[in-house]
Amino acid sequence: MNQREDILGQPSPGVQDGMPAPQNGAGATLHPSQYPSGGNMPIPASAAAQPAPAAPQAPNPEREWEHFPEYPEYASGHQRTPWPPGFVGKVAQYLYCHSPSPVPEYAIAAAVAFFAGVCGRGWIYSGTGLNHDIVVIGESGTGKNIVHQGIANIGRQLSGTPIATFIINAKMASAPALLKNVAANPCFLQLIGEVGKMYRAYSKSKHGDTLDELFTVKLDLWERSGPDGNAVGILYSNPDKNVQPVGVTGIAHSTLGESTPSVFFGALTTDMMNDGLLSRLWIIEYEGEDPQFNEHRLHEMPKEWINYLSNLVRAASGRLNQQPIDHSNESAALIRKFAQECRDEKLNAGKDPAQRQLWVRAYEKVIRLAALLAVADNYLFPIVQVEHVEWAISMLRHANLTVQRRVCDGDISDDADHAREAMVLQRCRRWIEAERKDPKEERLRQNSIIPRRFLQQEVSSKDLFKNHRFGAVTVLNLTMRSLVENGYLMEVDKTKLAEDFNVRSVCWRVLELDKR
């Protein structure tokens, strides 16, 4: 997408037939299509309050429910993701209270995905729809099932509305199957269990086979949610098999999948990064202890919430055209500033595929997420506010840090020598930075000496090592030899180790970590 400032917030010409003209809040700017016929810039309305129907402001589960579950204990160096502002945050808190094993990250992902499935096509901002592809990452037994169970719970409470058209719990067997579904229903959320296995199958597919075609079409559909996003087709030598969705525009296909870290990150390859997979995904990961069982689960939303969501679903279902979303002057300035940051980060990344992918579509992901929050707060007159943009940017940074850490750890890479070296150096950095409980190990750490036992325990179970044809031990020896020859490490004399540290195992002294 073009990130020029002059297209920020431009609407498509089409606005839903018969919809009242949007009324802007304080500091908001009108779209060009809303200017008076005389061509003069309008004077913003002085009223600060948004017109009805705004989303319900109460209750707030975190502050007002006496049985609000305690937050789980996060791993060292990790913090809880803040709740989204507005109504999306309230729905996320409800899902958190509904979960038998509550984790905020899972509840947030489910809430965002739900609104993306419903609102992805009916509203646009800066020429793009509001669809999202989200992957929830966490160890088994930490409560990831809320992404399926929680959305099903909300759908049950919205019976009598066309919610079933927006939520599909099924896997697509082929590219034609996906294209036929989006042609018949251009806006829906697809729930995918064990999505890491799906990406692993993609990574092993060959050009032109069924899974390769499906992967290519899925990547292409991400860009097709705007008013100019025409559906793609597939032509075969047998015309009877052709798939040509004629006249379908604004396809908003969102996905929500869950997986364990080892399966998902182990499935990603450099080719998939170069194809743009990582740049399209929201990767939301929880690292911490297993959450405590929630003995006081909520099973019903407040009546006001159900009424509001029911009206939102009906409005999205009956929408003929895509409604543009407005923004305040302050939020527009913040988005422009972030767009410049994205350009700078892409230049700084150079040709590093993993680093560059973090910023290629960061701008689009942020404006889509901020606009989705605005629609959830007021679907008739959505206005992107500063708090929407700030939270979307914070989510983008948090997701990027997750990917960067996984790349540094060697969890996202092909079977390459430099990836194994990067993984070993990352473990060396961990050893140097964290104090050791064992006095002997602490003395080694203070002298920048790292034992082989630590490294072998850390990396031998990783796919880069255990799946190598030479075996984990042999390839670790080769990796350590390469790092020594390149000046990153130096093997410590065994006699000196025995005399000074009472250590008789193989150890290396860390010489340089800043190069990687």
Protein backbone atom coordinates (compact mmCIF):
# COMPACT_ATOMS: atom_id res chain seq x y z
CA MET A 1 0.00 0.00 0.00
CA ASN A 2 1.17 3.51 -0.70
CA GLN A 3 1.98 5.21 2.60
CA ARG A 4 1.92 8.79 1.37
CA GLU A 5 0.53 11.23 3.85
CA ASP A 6 -1.86 12.68 1.32
CA ILE A 7 -3.93 9.48 1.14
CA LEU A 8 -4.26 9.08 4.88
CA GLY A 9 -7.88 8.37 5.65
CA GLN A 10 -9.14 8.94 2.09
CA PRO A 11 -12.52 7.28 1.64
CA SER A 12 -13.86 5.35 -1.26
CA PRO A 13 -16.72 7.09 -3.05
CA GLY A 14 -19.24 4.54 -1.84
CA VAL A 15 -21.00 5.05 1.45
CA GLN A 16 -23.86 2.88 2.57
CA ASP A 17 -27.13 3.92 1.05
CA GLY A 18 -29.38 5.82 3.40
CA MET A 19 -26.77 6.16 6.16
CA PRO A 20 -26.78 9.43 8.08
CA ALA A 21 -23.89 11.75 7.37
CA PRO A 22 -21.08 11.22 9.89
CA GLN A 23 -20.77 13.86 12.58
CA ASN A 24 -17.19 14.59 13.50
CA GLY A 25 -15.90 14.98 17.03
CA ALA A 26 -13.69 17.80 18.21
CA GLY A 27 -10.52 18.10 16.19
CA ALA A 28 -11.68 15.61 13.54
CA THR A 29 -11.40 16.28 9.82
CA LEU A 30 -14.05 15.50 7.26
CA HIS A 31 -13.43 13.46 4.15
CA PRO A 32 -13.32 15.25 0.79
CA SER A 33 -16.58 13.57 -0.18
CA GLN A 34 -18.24 15.32 2.77
CA TYR A 35 -17.16 18.85 1.82
CA PRO A 36 -19.87 21.39 0.91
CA SER A 37 -20.59 21.83 -2.79
CA GLY A 38 -18.87 25.20 -2.72
CA GLY A 39 -15.52 23.46 -2.18
CA ASN A 40 -14.60 25.38 0.98
CA MET A 41 -13.05 23.52 3.90
CA PRO A 42 -15.76 22.85 6.50
CA ILE A 43 -15.50 24.03 10.06
CA PRO A 44 -15.25 21.04 12.43
CA ALA A 45 -18.20 20.57 14.72
CA SER A 46 -17.65 21.91 18.22
CA ALA A 47 -19.45 19.04 19.98
CA ALA A 48 -16.87 16.69 21.50
CA ALA A 49 -19.19 13.77 22.15
CA GLN A 50 -19.69 11.08 19.55
CA PRO A 51 -23.26 10.66 18.36
CA ALA A 52 -25.19 7.54 19.37
CA PRO A 53 -25.04 4.62 19.14
CA ALA A 54 -21.70 4.43 20.91
CA ALA A 55 -20.58 1.16 22.45
CA PRO A 56 -21.65 0.50 26.05
CA GLN A 57 -19.25 2.07 28.54
CA ALA A 58 -20.11 -0.20 31.45
CA PRO A 59 -19.48 -2.51 33.07
CA ASN A 60 -15.70 -2.84 33.14
CA PRO A 61 -15.01 -6.45 34.17
CA GLU A 62 -11.49 -5.80 35.47
CA ARG A 63 -12.62 -3.07 37.86
CA GLU A 64 -16.17 -4.10 38.67
CA TRP A 65 -16.25 -7.89 38.83
CA GLU A 66 -15.21 -9.26 42.20
CA HIS A 67 -14.06 -12.59 40.71
CA PHE A 68 -11.82 -11.12 38.00
CA PRO A 69 -9.09 -13.80 37.58
CA GLU A 70 -5.55 -13.09 38.70
CA TYR A 71 -3.04 -12.60 35.92
CA PRO A 72 -0.70 -15.52 35.22
CA GLU A 73 2.97 -15.38 36.10
CA TYR A 74 4.95 -14.33 33.04
CA ALA A 75 8.41 -15.59 32.15
CA SER A 76 11.39 -13.45 33.06
CA GLY A 77 11.66 -10.44 30.75
CA HIS A 78 8.04 -10.66 29.58
CA GLN A 79 5.14 -8.40 30.53
CA ARG A 80 1.40 -8.58 30.18
CA THR A 81 -0.08 -7.04 27.06
CA PRO A 82 -2.27 -4.03 28.02
CA TRP A 83 -5.98 -4.35 27.33
CA PRO A 84 -7.17 -2.65 24.13
CA PRO A 85 -9.00 0.65 24.60
CA GLY A 86 -12.75 0.90 24.21
CA PHE A 87 -15.23 -1.87 23.50
CA VAL A 88 -12.71 -4.34 22.06
CA GLY A 89 -10.93 -4.22 25.41
CA LYS A 90 -14.16 -4.93 27.28
CA VAL A 91 -14.95 -7.92 25.07
CA ALA A 92 -11.39 -9.16 25.56
CA GLN A 93 -11.81 -8.91 29.34
CA TYR A 94 -15.07 -10.84 29.09
CA LEU A 95 -13.31 -13.62 27.15
CA TYR A 96 -10.59 -13.58 29.79
CA CYS A 97 -13.21 -14.05 32.49
CA HIS A 98 -14.92 -16.75 30.42
CA SER A 99 -11.77 -18.80 29.87
CA PRO A 100 -11.13 -21.80 32.15
CA SER A 101 -7.39 -21.01 31.94
CA PRO A 102 -7.32 -17.23 31.52
CA VAL A 103 -4.43 -15.59 29.65
CA PRO A 104 -4.82 -11.93 28.53
CA GLU A 105 -2.95 -12.41 25.24
CA TYR A 106 -5.29 -15.18 24.10
CA ALA A 107 -8.38 -13.18 25.03
CA ILE A 108 -7.11 -10.08 23.21
CA ALA A 109 -6.34 -12.07 20.07
CA ALA A 110 -9.80 -13.65 20.09
CA ALA A 111 -11.55 -10.30 20.58
CA VAL A 112 -9.62 -8.57 17.78
CA ALA A 113 -10.20 -11.52 15.44
CA PHE A 114 -13.94 -11.53 16.18
CA PHE A 115 -14.34 -7.88 15.22
CA ALA A 116 -12.09 -8.35 12.17
CA GLY A 117 -14.34 -11.16 10.98
CA VAL A 118 -17.47 -9.04 11.34
CA CYS A 119 -16.18 -5.59 10.37
CA GLY A 120 -13.37 -6.45 7.95
CA ARG A 121 -15.20 -5.49 4.78
CA GLY A 122 -17.95 -3.05 5.76
CA TRP A 123 -15.56 -0.28 6.81
CA ILE A 124 -12.36 1.00 5.23
CA TYR A 125 -9.59 3.34 6.25
CA SER A 126 -6.98 4.80 3.89
CA GLY A 127 -8.18 2.53 1.11
CA THR A 128 -7.91 -0.76 2.99
CA GLY A 129 -10.34 -3.03 4.79
CA LEU A 130 -9.94 -4.19 8.37
CA ASN A 131 -9.07 -7.87 7.93
CA HIS A 132 -6.30 -9.43 10.04
CA ASP A 133 -4.37 -12.69 10.15
CA ILE A 134 -3.58 -13.62 13.76
CA VAL A 135 -1.59 -16.51 15.19
CA VAL A 136 -1.72 -17.28 18.92
CA ILE A 137 1.39 -19.00 20.23
CA GLY A 138 1.68 -20.79 23.58
CA GLU A 139 2.64 -24.08 25.14
CA SER A 140 0.10 -26.86 25.45
CA GLY A 141 -2.22 -26.57 28.43
CA THR A 142 -2.05 -22.78 28.75
CA GLY A 143 -5.60 -22.08 27.56
CA LYS A 144 -5.27 -21.40 23.82
CA ASN A 145 -8.63 -23.07 23.21
CA ILE A 146 -10.36 -19.83 24.23
CA VAL A 147 -9.82 -18.63 20.65
CA HIS A 148 -12.33 -21.27 19.56
CA GLN A 149 -14.51 -21.65 22.64
CA GLY A 150 -14.74 -17.93 23.39
CA ILE A 151 -15.79 -16.90 19.90
CA ALA A 152 -18.34 -19.73 19.85
CA ASN A 153 -19.70 -18.42 23.17
CA ILE A 154 -20.17 -14.92 21.74
CA GLY A 155 -21.77 -16.35 18.60
CA ARG A 156 -24.26 -18.31 20.69
CA GLN A 157 -25.34 -15.13 22.48
CA LEU A 158 -25.90 -13.41 19.13
CA SER A 159 -28.42 -15.97 17.91
CA GLY A 160 -31.02 -14.40 15.68
CA THR A 161 -28.37 -12.41 13.83
CA PRO A 162 -26.39 -13.44 10.71
CA ILE A 163 -23.27 -14.04 12.84
CA ALA A 164 -22.82 -17.52 11.30
CA THR A 165 -21.89 -15.93 7.97
CA PHE A 166 -18.95 -14.14 9.60
CA ILE A 167 -17.39 -17.05 11.54
CA ILE A 168 -16.22 -20.22 9.76
CA ASN A 169 -14.57 -23.01 11.72
CA ALA A 170 -13.08 -25.06 8.88
CA LYS A 171 -9.88 -25.62 6.93
CA MET A 172 -9.67 -24.87 3.22
CA ALA A 173 -8.52 -27.91 1.25
CA SER A 174 -7.34 -26.02 -1.82
CA ALA A 175 -7.04 -22.64 -3.48
CA PRO A 176 -10.26 -23.14 -5.49
CA ALA A 177 -12.10 -23.99 -2.28
CA LEU A 178 -10.91 -20.76 -0.65
CA LEU A 179 -11.75 -18.64 -3.70
CA LYS A 180 -15.23 -20.12 -4.01
CA ASN A 181 -15.89 -19.37 -0.34
CA VAL A 182 -14.74 -15.75 -0.53
CA ALA A 183 -16.73 -15.26 -3.75
CA ALA A 184 -19.90 -16.40 -1.99
CA ASN A 185 -19.05 -14.68 1.30
CA PRO A 186 -16.38 -11.94 0.99
CA CYS A 187 -16.13 -11.18 4.73
CA PHE A 188 -15.50 -13.82 7.38
CA LEU A 189 -13.13 -15.05 10.08
CA GLN A 190 -11.65 -18.50 9.54
CA LEU A 191 -10.72 -20.35 12.73
CA ILE A 192 -7.78 -22.74 12.29
CA GLY A 193 -6.64 -25.22 14.91
CA GLU A 194 -2.97 -26.29 15.03
CA VAL A 195 -2.08 -23.69 12.44
CA GLY A 196 1.64 -24.46 12.84
CA LYS A 197 1.10 -27.82 11.16
CA MET A 198 -0.58 -26.06 8.26
CA TYR A 199 2.42 -23.76 7.78
CA ARG A 200 4.77 -26.72 8.09
CA ALA A 201 2.90 -28.38 5.22
CA TYR A 202 3.18 -25.13 3.23
CA SER A 203 6.95 -25.04 3.78
CA LYS A 204 7.34 -28.57 2.37
CA SER A 205 5.13 -28.00 -0.66
CA LYS A 206 6.54 -27.73 -4.17
CA HIS A 207 5.79 -25.03 -6.69
CA GLY A 208 2.46 -25.59 -8.39
CA ASP A 209 1.05 -28.23 -6.10
CA THR A 210 -2.20 -27.88 -4.15
CA LEU A 211 -0.75 -26.45 -0.95
CA ASP A 212 1.54 -24.04 -2.79
CA GLU A 213 -1.42 -22.63 -4.70
CA LEU A 214 -3.43 -22.31 -1.49
CA PHE A 215 -0.56 -20.50 0.26
CA THR A 216 -0.12 -18.10 -2.68
CA VAL A 217 -3.83 -17.26 -2.85
CA LYS A 218 -3.99 -16.68 0.91
CA LEU A 219 -1.11 -14.22 0.76
CA ASP A 220 -2.74 -12.42 -2.16
CA LEU A 221 -6.12 -12.07 -0.46
CA TRP A 222 -4.59 -10.05 2.37
CA GLU A 223 -4.26 -7.11 -0.03
CA ARG A 224 -7.77 -7.36 -1.48
CA SER A 225 -9.98 -5.89 1.25
CA GLY A 226 -10.13 -2.35 -0.11
CA PRO A 227 -12.68 -1.00 -2.62
CA ASP A 228 -10.24 -1.70 -5.48
CA GLY A 229 -9.39 -5.21 -4.32
CA ASN A 230 -10.82 -7.45 -7.03
CA ALA A 231 -10.90 -11.18 -6.40
CA VAL A 232 -8.26 -13.31 -8.09
CA GLY A 233 -9.11 -16.41 -10.11
CA ILE A 234 -7.54 -19.68 -11.22
CA LEU A 235 -7.71 -20.90 -14.83
CA TYR A 236 -7.17 -24.52 -15.84
CA SER A 237 -6.74 -26.27 -19.17
CA ASN A 238 -10.20 -27.71 -18.51
CA PRO A 239 -12.52 -24.66 -18.46
CA ASP A 240 -15.02 -26.50 -16.28
CA LYS A 241 -12.56 -26.30 -13.37
CA ASN A 242 -11.97 -22.55 -13.66
CA VAL A 243 -12.59 -20.36 -10.63
CA GLN A 244 -13.35 -16.75 -11.58
CA PRO A 245 -15.09 -14.65 -8.89
CA VAL A 246 -16.44 -11.97 -11.21
CA GLY A 247 -17.51 -8.66 -9.70
CA VAL A 248 -16.40 -9.46 -6.15
CA THR A 249 -14.44 -6.62 -4.56
CA GLY A 250 -13.32 -5.84 -1.04
CA ILE A 251 -12.56 -9.38 0.10
CA ALA A 252 -11.87 -9.36 3.84
CA HIS A 253 -10.68 -12.86 4.72
CA SER A 254 -9.38 -12.92 8.32
CA THR A 255 -7.82 -15.89 10.08
CA LEU A 256 -7.20 -16.84 13.70
CA GLY A 257 -5.02 -19.84 14.41
CA GLU A 258 -3.23 -21.31 17.41
CA SER A 259 -0.11 -23.40 17.76
CA THR A 260 2.75 -24.32 20.05
CA PRO A 261 6.03 -22.38 19.64
CA SER A 262 8.16 -25.29 18.47
CA VAL A 263 5.74 -26.36 15.73
CA PHE A 264 4.95 -22.87 14.43
CA PHE A 265 8.39 -21.29 14.48
CA GLY A 266 9.97 -24.53 13.29
CA ALA A 267 7.74 -24.39 10.21
CA LEU A 268 8.82 -20.91 9.09
CA THR A 269 11.54 -20.65 6.46
CA THR A 270 13.45 -17.83 4.78
CA ASP A 271 11.46 -18.40 1.58
CA MET A 272 8.21 -17.90 3.50
CA MET A 273 9.59 -14.67 4.96
CA ASN A 274 10.62 -13.46 1.51
CA ASP A 275 7.10 -14.26 0.29
CA GLY A 276 5.75 -11.84 2.90
CA LEU A 277 4.15 -14.22 5.39
CA LEU A 278 5.60 -12.67 8.54
CA SER A 279 4.77 -9.15 7.40
CA ARG A 280 1.07 -10.10 7.17
CA LEU A 281 0.76 -11.98 10.47
CA TRP A 282 0.05 -10.77 13.97
CA ILE A 283 2.05 -13.21 16.11
CA ILE A 284 0.76 -13.00 19.68
CA GLU A 285 2.71 -15.20 22.07
CA TYR A 286 2.33 -16.00 25.74
CA GLU A 287 5.36 -17.14 27.70
CA GLY A 288 4.78 -17.92 31.33
CA GLU A 289 3.45 -20.37 33.85
CA ASP A 290 0.27 -22.36 33.33
CA PRO A 291 -2.62 -20.11 34.44
CA GLN A 292 -4.68 -21.07 37.46
CA PHE A 293 -8.07 -22.66 36.86
CA ASN A 294 -10.86 -20.09 36.72
CA GLU A 295 -13.47 -21.23 39.23
CA HIS A 296 -15.83 -18.29 38.60
CA ARG A 297 -16.21 -18.23 34.83
CA LEU A 298 -18.52 -15.74 33.16
CA HIS A 299 -20.84 -17.27 30.57
CA GLU A 300 -23.07 -14.36 29.56
CA MET A 301 -22.29 -10.83 28.44
CA PRO A 302 -24.35 -7.91 29.75
CA LYS A 303 -27.62 -7.40 27.87
CA GLU A 304 -26.47 -3.99 26.62
CA TRP A 305 -23.39 -5.58 25.05
CA ILE A 306 -25.45 -8.25 23.33
CA ASN A 307 -27.85 -5.67 21.90
CA TYR A 308 -24.99 -3.51 20.63
CA LEU A 309 -23.14 -6.43 19.05
CA SER A 310 -26.36 -7.72 17.49
CA ASN A 311 -26.95 -4.37 15.82
CA LEU A 312 -23.32 -4.26 14.70
CA VAL A 313 -23.58 -7.70 13.08
CA ARG A 314 -26.81 -6.75 11.31
CA ALA A 315 -25.27 -3.49 10.09
CA ALA A 316 -22.23 -5.32 8.73
CA SER A 317 -24.39 -7.94 7.03
CA GLY A 318 -26.70 -5.44 5.39
CA ARG A 319 -23.99 -3.06 4.20
CA LEU A 320 -23.97 -2.53 0.43
CA ASN A 321 -20.85 -0.38 0.23
CA GLN A 322 -17.74 0.17 2.32
CA GLN A 323 -18.00 3.07 4.74
CA PRO A 324 -14.88 5.25 5.17
CA ILE A 325 -13.60 5.83 8.70
CA ASP A 326 -12.66 9.29 9.91
CA HIS A 327 -9.82 10.31 12.23
CA SER A 328 -8.95 13.10 14.61
CA ASN A 329 -6.16 15.51 13.71
CA GLU A 330 -4.03 14.20 16.57
CA SER A 331 -4.36 10.56 15.52
CA ALA A 332 -3.60 11.44 11.89
CA ALA A 333 -0.39 13.16 12.96
CA LEU A 334 0.60 10.11 15.01
CA ILE A 335 -0.04 7.80 12.05
CA ARG A 336 2.07 9.99 9.76
CA LYS A 337 4.91 9.87 12.26
CA PHE A 338 4.69 6.09 12.42
CA ALA A 339 4.64 5.84 8.61
CA GLN A 340 7.97 7.67 8.52
CA GLU A 341 9.34 5.31 11.17
CA CYS A 342 8.35 2.34 9.01
CA ARG A 343 10.21 3.78 6.03
CA ASP A 344 13.32 4.37 8.16
CA GLU A 345 13.23 0.87 9.63
CA LYS A 346 12.94 -0.73 6.19
CA LEU A 347 16.00 1.21 5.04
CA ASN A 348 17.93 0.20 8.16
CA ALA A 349 17.01 -3.46 7.69
CA GLY A 350 18.80 -3.64 4.34
CA LYS A 351 18.49 -7.09 2.82
CA ASP A 352 17.95 -8.97 6.08
CA PRO A 353 14.70 -10.84 5.22
CA ALA A 354 13.50 -11.32 8.80
CA GLN A 355 14.17 -7.73 9.92
CA ARG A 356 12.71 -6.21 6.78
CA GLN A 357 9.53 -8.27 6.97
CA LEU A 358 8.78 -6.78 10.37
CA TRP A 359 8.26 -3.35 8.78
CA VAL A 360 7.14 -3.98 5.19
CA ARG A 361 3.44 -3.97 6.11
CA ALA A 362 3.66 -2.55 9.62
CA TYR A 363 1.90 0.66 8.57
CA GLU A 364 -1.06 -1.19 7.07
CA LYS A 365 -1.40 -3.49 10.06
CA VAL A 366 -1.42 -0.56 12.49
CA ILE A 367 -4.00 1.53 10.65
CA ARG A 368 -6.22 -1.51 10.17
CA LEU A 369 -6.07 -2.33 13.87
CA ALA A 370 -6.63 1.26 14.99
CA ALA A 371 -9.58 1.62 12.61
CA LEU A 372 -11.07 -1.66 13.84
CA LEU A 373 -11.00 -0.33 17.41
CA ALA A 374 -12.80 2.80 16.20
CA VAL A 375 -15.54 0.81 14.47
CA ALA A 376 -16.08 -1.32 17.56
CA ASP A 377 -16.55 1.85 19.63
CA ASN A 378 -19.07 3.42 17.24
CA TYR A 379 -19.94 1.57 14.04
CA LEU A 380 -22.18 4.30 12.61
CA PHE A 381 -19.73 7.15 13.08
CA PRO A 382 -16.27 5.61 13.60
CA ILE A 383 -13.45 8.04 14.32
CA VAL A 384 -9.87 6.88 14.89
CA GLN A 385 -8.61 8.47 18.10
CA VAL A 386 -5.11 8.75 19.56
CA GLU A 387 -5.65 5.92 22.04
CA HIS A 388 -6.57 3.58 19.17
CA VAL A 389 -3.37 4.37 17.29
CA GLU A 390 -1.16 4.22 20.37
CA TRP A 391 -2.40 0.77 21.31
CA ALA A 392 -2.08 -0.52 17.73
CA ILE A 393 1.52 0.71 17.54
CA SER A 394 2.34 -0.86 20.90
CA MET A 395 0.94 -4.19 19.68
CA LEU A 396 3.04 -3.96 16.53
CA ARG A 397 6.20 -3.30 18.53
CA HIS A 398 5.41 -6.14 20.92
CA ALA A 399 4.81 -8.57 18.03
CA ASN A 400 8.02 -7.46 16.32
CA LEU A 401 10.04 -8.06 19.48
CA THR A 402 8.66 -11.59 19.64
CA VAL A 403 9.81 -12.32 16.09
CA GLN A 404 13.20 -10.64 16.61
CA ARG A 405 13.85 -12.73 19.69
CA ARG A 406 12.88 -15.92 17.91
CA VAL A 407 15.15 -15.07 14.98
CA CYS A 408 18.06 -14.36 17.34
CA ASP A 409 17.41 -17.66 19.10
CA GLY A 410 17.54 -19.45 15.77
CA ASP A 411 13.92 -20.61 16.01
CA ILE A 412 13.05 -18.97 12.68
CA SER A 413 15.53 -19.91 10.00
CA ASP A 414 16.49 -22.42 7.36
CA ASP A 415 19.07 -25.14 7.92
CA ALA A 416 22.08 -22.81 7.56
CA ASP A 417 25.47 -22.53 9.24
CA HIS A 418 25.06 -18.84 10.06
CA ALA A 419 21.74 -19.55 11.79
CA ARG A 420 23.37 -22.13 14.06
CA GLU A 421 26.18 -19.71 14.85
CA ALA A 422 23.65 -17.00 15.69
CA MET A 423 21.82 -19.40 18.00
CA VAL A 424 25.00 -20.32 19.87
CA LEU A 425 26.04 -16.68 20.26
CA GLN A 426 22.58 -15.83 21.58
CA ARG A 427 22.99 -18.53 24.24
CA CYS A 428 26.41 -17.11 25.07
CA ARG A 429 24.82 -13.72 25.56
CA ARG A 430 22.24 -15.22 27.92
CA TRP A 431 24.99 -16.88 29.94
CA ILE A 432 26.96 -13.65 30.29
CA GLU A 433 23.97 -11.46 31.21
CA ALA A 434 22.26 -13.65 33.83
CA GLU A 435 23.78 -14.41 37.23
CA ARG A 436 24.24 -18.09 38.07
CA LYS A 437 23.16 -19.71 41.32
CA ASP A 438 26.04 -22.19 41.35
CA PRO A 439 29.21 -20.48 42.70
CA LYS A 440 31.50 -22.31 40.27
CA GLU A 441 29.34 -21.33 37.29
CA GLU A 442 29.14 -17.74 38.52
CA ARG A 443 32.95 -17.49 38.60
CA LEU A 444 33.06 -18.71 35.03
CA ARG A 445 30.41 -16.20 33.99
CA GLN A 446 32.24 -13.30 35.60
CA ASN A 447 35.31 -14.21 33.53
CA SER A 448 33.24 -14.48 30.29
CA ILE A 449 33.79 -18.23 30.16
CA ILE A 450 30.97 -20.51 29.02
CA PRO A 451 30.99 -24.32 29.47
CA ARG A 452 30.15 -26.73 26.68
CA ARG A 453 27.56 -28.47 28.87
CA PHE A 454 25.39 -25.35 28.96
CA LEU A 455 25.51 -24.83 25.19
CA GLN A 456 24.81 -28.45 24.39
CA GLN A 457 21.80 -28.50 26.70
CA GLU A 458 20.48 -25.31 25.14
CA VAL A 459 20.76 -26.11 21.43
CA SER A 460 20.82 -29.90 20.98
CA SER A 461 17.01 -30.10 21.06
CA LYS A 462 16.56 -27.38 18.41
CA ASP A 463 15.63 -28.45 14.90
CA LEU A 464 18.68 -26.73 13.43
CA PHE A 465 20.89 -29.15 15.35
CA LYS A 466 18.90 -32.32 16.04
CA ASN A 467 17.65 -32.66 12.43
CA HIS A 468 21.08 -32.21 10.85
CA ARG A 469 22.33 -35.26 8.97
CA PHE A 470 25.55 -35.29 11.04
CA GLY A 471 23.68 -35.27 14.35
CA ALA A 472 23.42 -32.60 17.06
CA VAL A 473 26.80 -33.26 18.74
CA THR A 474 28.85 -33.25 15.56
CA VAL A 475 27.21 -30.14 14.12
CA LEU A 476 27.71 -28.34 17.46
CA ASN A 477 31.44 -29.17 17.25
CA LEU A 478 31.58 -27.77 13.73
CA THR A 479 29.69 -24.64 14.78
CA MET A 480 32.01 -23.99 17.73
CA ARG A 481 35.07 -24.47 15.52
CA SER A 482 33.73 -21.90 13.07
CA LEU A 483 33.04 -19.36 15.84
CA VAL A 484 36.57 -19.82 17.20
CA GLU A 485 38.12 -19.40 13.76
CA ASN A 486 36.09 -16.23 13.17
CA GLY A 487 37.16 -14.62 16.44
CA TYR A 488 33.93 -14.78 18.42
CA LEU A 489 35.14 -17.37 20.95
CA MET A 490 38.43 -18.83 22.19
CA GLU A 491 38.83 -22.27 23.72
CA VAL A 492 40.23 -22.03 27.23
CA ASP A 493 43.24 -24.13 28.18
CA LYS A 494 42.12 -27.16 30.20
CA THR A 495 45.03 -26.89 32.63
CA LYS A 496 44.12 -23.29 33.43
CA LEU A 497 40.47 -24.28 33.90
CA ALA A 498 41.41 -27.02 36.35
CA GLU A 499 43.82 -24.83 38.36
CA ASP A 500 41.83 -21.59 38.48
CA PHE A 501 38.21 -22.80 38.39
CA ASN A 502 38.34 -26.50 39.31
CA VAL A 503 36.58 -27.25 36.02
CA ARG A 504 37.57 -30.14 33.74
CA SER A 505 35.07 -29.77 30.90
CA VAL A 506 35.56 -27.99 27.59
CA CYS A 507 34.93 -24.22 27.90
CA TRP A 508 35.22 -21.16 25.70
CA ARG A 509 35.92 -17.53 26.52
CA VAL A 510 33.56 -15.07 24.84
CA LEU A 511 35.53 -12.49 22.88
CA GLU A 512 32.96 -10.70 20.74
CA LEU A 513 29.16 -10.68 20.67
CA ASP A 514 28.39 -7.31 19.09
CA LYS A 515 29.14 -8.48 15.56
CA ARG A 516 26.02 -10.63 15.41
